[in-house]
Amino acid sequence: MSSVVIQNNPIAPAHAGTPEPLVRVRGVHKSFRVGDTETPVLRGADFEASPGEVAFLVGPSGCGKTTLLSAIAGTLKVDSGEI
């Protein structure tokens, strides 16, 4: 199964020290169940985005990009992990 690839690209000027991330995803797991079949979509996703960074989620259809964004936005409850 394919996975989500996260690429960060800082575009803001360097800060003195490391800024606190605006978004932090740690060990996020999410599965969907249809009948007796459970399909894991996110398996331990980790991600940080700091001020001034632009992040891209890339991957093939069905790999979990929209699931991860929905979880970050708070419109989808994850099975485990922290956002």
N, C-alpha and C. Protein backbone atom coordinates (compact mmCIF):
# COMPACT_ATOMS: atom_id res chain seq x y z
N MET A 1 0.85 -1.18 0.00
CA MET A 1 0.00 0.00 0.00
C MET A 1 0.89 1.23 0.00
N SER A 2 0.51 2.24 -0.73
CA SER A 2 1.26 3.49 -0.80
C SER A 2 1.06 4.30 0.46
N SER A 3 1.96 5.25 0.66
CA SER A 3 1.85 6.08 1.85
C SER A 3 1.91 7.55 1.48
N VAL A 4 1.54 8.39 2.43
CA VAL A 4 1.59 9.83 2.27
C VAL A 4 3.03 10.29 2.43
N VAL A 5 3.48 11.17 1.56
CA VAL A 5 4.80 11.78 1.69
C VAL A 5 4.60 13.24 2.04
N ILE A 6 5.26 13.70 3.07
CA ILE A 6 5.14 15.08 3.52
C ILE A 6 6.45 15.79 3.24
N GLN A 7 6.37 16.90 2.49
CA GLN A 7 7.56 17.68 2.18
C GLN A 7 7.37 19.08 2.76
N ASN A 8 8.32 19.53 3.54
CA ASN A 8 8.28 20.88 4.12
C ASN A 8 9.26 21.76 3.37
N ASN A 9 8.87 23.02 3.19
CA ASN A 9 9.73 23.98 2.52
C ASN A 9 9.64 25.31 3.25
N PRO A 10 10.67 25.68 4.04
CA PRO A 10 10.61 26.96 4.73
C PRO A 10 10.73 28.12 3.75
N ILE A 11 9.81 29.11 3.88
CA ILE A 11 9.86 30.26 2.99
C ILE A 11 10.06 31.57 3.75
N ALA A 12 9.89 31.54 5.04
CA ALA A 12 10.04 32.75 5.84
C ALA A 12 11.50 32.93 6.23
N PRO A 13 11.88 34.15 6.59
CA PRO A 13 13.25 34.37 7.06
C PRO A 13 13.53 33.54 8.31
N ALA A 14 14.77 33.21 8.49
CA ALA A 14 15.16 32.42 9.66
C ALA A 14 14.80 33.17 10.94
N HIS A 15 14.29 32.43 11.90
CA HIS A 15 13.94 32.99 13.20
C HIS A 15 15.10 32.75 14.16
N ALA A 16 15.20 33.58 15.17
CA ALA A 16 16.17 33.33 16.23
C ALA A 16 15.64 32.17 17.05
N GLY A 17 16.31 31.06 17.01
CA GLY A 17 15.81 29.86 17.68
C GLY A 17 14.79 29.16 16.80
N THR A 18 14.24 28.09 17.30
CA THR A 18 13.25 27.32 16.56
C THR A 18 11.86 27.72 17.02
N PRO A 19 11.00 28.19 16.10
CA PRO A 19 9.64 28.58 16.50
C PRO A 19 8.81 27.36 16.87
N GLU A 20 7.85 27.55 17.72
CA GLU A 20 6.92 26.49 18.10
C GLU A 20 6.08 26.12 16.88
N PRO A 21 5.92 24.82 16.57
CA PRO A 21 5.10 24.43 15.42
C PRO A 21 3.66 24.90 15.57
N LEU A 22 3.06 25.29 14.46
CA LEU A 22 1.64 25.65 14.44
C LEU A 22 0.78 24.40 14.42
N VAL A 23 1.28 23.36 13.78
CA VAL A 23 0.58 22.07 13.70
C VAL A 23 1.56 20.98 14.07
N ARG A 24 1.13 20.08 14.94
CA ARG A 24 1.97 18.94 15.31
C ARG A 24 1.09 17.69 15.32
N VAL A 25 1.49 16.69 14.55
CA VAL A 25 0.78 15.42 14.45
C VAL A 25 1.74 14.35 14.95
N ARG A 26 1.33 13.55 15.90
CA ARG A 26 2.20 12.52 16.48
C ARG A 26 1.48 11.18 16.56
N GLY A 27 2.01 10.19 15.86
CA GLY A 27 1.54 8.82 15.97
C GLY A 27 0.07 8.62 15.65
N VAL A 28 -0.43 9.32 14.63
CA VAL A 28 -1.86 9.25 14.32
C VAL A 28 -2.19 8.00 13.52
N HIS A 29 -3.20 7.29 14.02
CA HIS A 29 -3.72 6.09 13.36
C HIS A 29 -5.19 6.30 13.07
N LYS A 30 -5.62 5.87 11.89
CA LYS A 30 -7.03 5.93 11.52
C LYS A 30 -7.35 4.77 10.58
N SER A 31 -8.41 4.06 10.90
CA SER A 31 -8.90 2.98 10.05
C SER A 31 -10.36 3.22 9.75
N PHE A 32 -10.83 2.68 8.64
CA PHE A 32 -12.23 2.74 8.29
C PHE A 32 -12.77 1.32 8.23
N ARG A 33 -13.99 1.14 8.71
CA ARG A 33 -14.61 -0.18 8.73
C ARG A 33 -15.83 -0.18 7.82
N VAL A 34 -15.89 -1.21 6.97
CA VAL A 34 -17.06 -1.45 6.14
C VAL A 34 -17.44 -2.91 6.38
N GLY A 35 -18.57 -3.11 7.06
CA GLY A 35 -18.96 -4.47 7.43
C GLY A 35 -17.93 -5.07 8.37
N ASP A 36 -17.43 -6.23 8.02
CA ASP A 36 -16.42 -6.91 8.84
C ASP A 36 -14.99 -6.56 8.43
N THR A 37 -14.84 -5.72 7.42
CA THR A 37 -13.51 -5.39 6.90
C THR A 37 -13.04 -4.05 7.43
N GLU A 38 -11.86 -4.05 8.07
CA GLU A 38 -11.25 -2.81 8.56
C GLU A 38 -10.04 -2.49 7.70
N THR A 39 -9.99 -1.27 7.18
CA THR A 39 -8.88 -0.85 6.32
C THR A 39 -8.09 0.25 7.01
N PRO A 40 -6.83 -0.02 7.38
CA PRO A 40 -6.01 1.03 7.98
C PRO A 40 -5.60 2.05 6.92
N VAL A 41 -5.74 3.34 7.25
CA VAL A 41 -5.41 4.40 6.30
C VAL A 41 -4.18 5.18 6.78
N LEU A 42 -4.18 5.60 8.03
CA LEU A 42 -3.02 6.27 8.62
C LEU A 42 -2.42 5.33 9.66
N ARG A 43 -1.13 5.12 9.56
CA ARG A 43 -0.45 4.20 10.49
C ARG A 43 0.74 4.90 11.12
N GLY A 44 0.46 5.67 12.15
CA GLY A 44 1.54 6.35 12.87
C GLY A 44 2.05 7.60 12.19
N ALA A 45 1.16 8.38 11.61
CA ALA A 45 1.57 9.61 10.90
C ALA A 45 2.18 10.61 11.87
N ASP A 46 3.32 11.18 11.47
CA ASP A 46 4.02 12.22 12.22
C ASP A 46 4.26 13.40 11.28
N PHE A 47 4.03 14.62 11.79
CA PHE A 47 4.16 15.80 10.95
C PHE A 47 4.21 17.04 11.82
N GLU A 48 5.03 18.01 11.43
CA GLU A 48 5.06 19.32 12.07
C GLU A 48 5.12 20.39 11.00
N ALA A 49 4.44 21.50 11.24
CA ALA A 49 4.53 22.67 10.36
C ALA A 49 4.75 23.88 11.24
N SER A 50 5.84 24.57 11.01
CA SER A 50 6.20 25.77 11.78
C SER A 50 5.81 27.02 11.02
N PRO A 51 5.74 28.15 11.71
CA PRO A 51 5.43 29.40 11.02
C PRO A 51 6.38 29.63 9.85
N GLY A 52 5.82 30.05 8.72
CA GLY A 52 6.63 30.34 7.54
C GLY A 52 6.91 29.16 6.65
N GLU A 53 6.48 27.97 7.02
CA GLU A 53 6.70 26.79 6.19
C GLU A 53 5.50 26.56 5.28
N VAL A 54 5.79 26.02 4.12
CA VAL A 54 4.75 25.55 3.22
C VAL A 54 4.93 24.05 3.13
N ALA A 55 3.86 23.30 3.35
CA ALA A 55 3.94 21.83 3.33
C ALA A 55 3.07 21.30 2.21
N PHE A 56 3.54 20.22 1.58
CA PHE A 56 2.80 19.55 0.52
C PHE A 56 2.55 18.11 0.94
N LEU A 57 1.35 17.63 0.75
CA LEU A 57 1.04 16.21 0.94
C LEU A 57 0.93 15.61 -0.45
N VAL A 58 1.78 14.68 -0.75
CA VAL A 58 1.77 14.06 -2.07
C VAL A 58 1.69 12.55 -1.93
N GLY A 59 1.02 11.93 -2.87
CA GLY A 59 0.88 10.49 -2.88
C GLY A 59 -0.25 10.09 -3.79
N PRO A 60 -0.33 8.82 -4.10
CA PRO A 60 -1.37 8.35 -5.01
C PRO A 60 -2.76 8.39 -4.37
N SER A 61 -3.76 8.28 -5.20
CA SER A 61 -5.14 8.27 -4.73
C SER A 61 -5.33 7.15 -3.71
N GLY A 62 -5.99 7.49 -2.60
CA GLY A 62 -6.31 6.49 -1.59
C GLY A 62 -5.25 6.25 -0.55
N CYS A 63 -4.18 7.07 -0.52
CA CYS A 63 -3.09 6.81 0.43
C CYS A 63 -3.28 7.50 1.77
N GLY A 64 -4.29 8.40 1.92
CA GLY A 64 -4.56 9.00 3.22
C GLY A 64 -4.36 10.50 3.30
N LYS A 65 -4.13 11.18 2.18
CA LYS A 65 -3.90 12.63 2.21
C LYS A 65 -5.10 13.38 2.78
N THR A 66 -6.27 13.13 2.24
CA THR A 66 -7.48 13.82 2.69
C THR A 66 -7.83 13.41 4.11
N THR A 67 -7.60 12.16 4.46
CA THR A 67 -7.86 11.70 5.83
C THR A 67 -7.00 12.46 6.82
N LEU A 68 -5.71 12.64 6.50
CA LEU A 68 -4.81 13.39 7.39
C LEU A 68 -5.25 14.84 7.51
N LEU A 69 -5.58 15.48 6.39
CA LEU A 69 -6.02 16.88 6.44
C LEU A 69 -7.33 17.03 7.21
N SER A 70 -8.25 16.10 7.05
CA SER A 70 -9.52 16.14 7.78
C SER A 70 -9.28 15.98 9.28
N ALA A 71 -8.33 15.13 9.64
CA ALA A 71 -8.00 14.95 11.06
C ALA A 71 -7.38 16.21 11.63
N ILE A 72 -6.46 16.84 10.89
CA ILE A 72 -5.84 18.08 11.34
C ILE A 72 -6.89 19.17 11.51
N ALA A 73 -7.84 19.23 10.59
CA ALA A 73 -8.90 20.25 10.65
C ALA A 73 -9.90 19.99 11.76
N GLY A 74 -9.89 18.78 12.31
CA GLY A 74 -10.81 18.45 13.40
C GLY A 74 -12.17 17.94 12.93
N THR A 75 -12.30 17.65 11.65
CA THR A 75 -13.58 17.14 11.13
C THR A 75 -13.64 15.63 11.09
N LEU A 76 -12.54 14.96 11.46
CA LEU A 76 -12.48 13.51 11.48
C LEU A 76 -11.76 13.07 12.75
N LYS A 77 -12.40 12.21 13.51
CA LYS A 77 -11.81 11.70 14.74
C LYS A 77 -10.83 10.58 14.40
N VAL A 78 -9.63 10.65 15.00
CA VAL A 78 -8.63 9.61 14.76
C VAL A 78 -8.79 8.49 15.79
N ASP A 79 -8.25 7.32 15.47
CA ASP A 79 -8.32 6.18 16.39
C ASP A 79 -7.34 6.33 17.54
N SER A 80 -6.16 6.87 17.25
CA SER A 80 -5.15 7.10 18.28
C SER A 80 -4.14 8.11 17.78
N GLY A 81 -3.34 8.64 18.70
CA GLY A 81 -2.35 9.64 18.37
C GLY A 81 -2.80 11.01 18.83
N GLU A 82 -1.98 12.00 18.54
CA GLU A 82 -2.24 13.38 18.98
C GLU A 82 -2.12 14.36 17.83
N ILE A 83 -3.02 15.35 17.82
CA ILE A 83 -2.94 16.46 16.87
C ILE A 83 -3.03 17.74 17.67
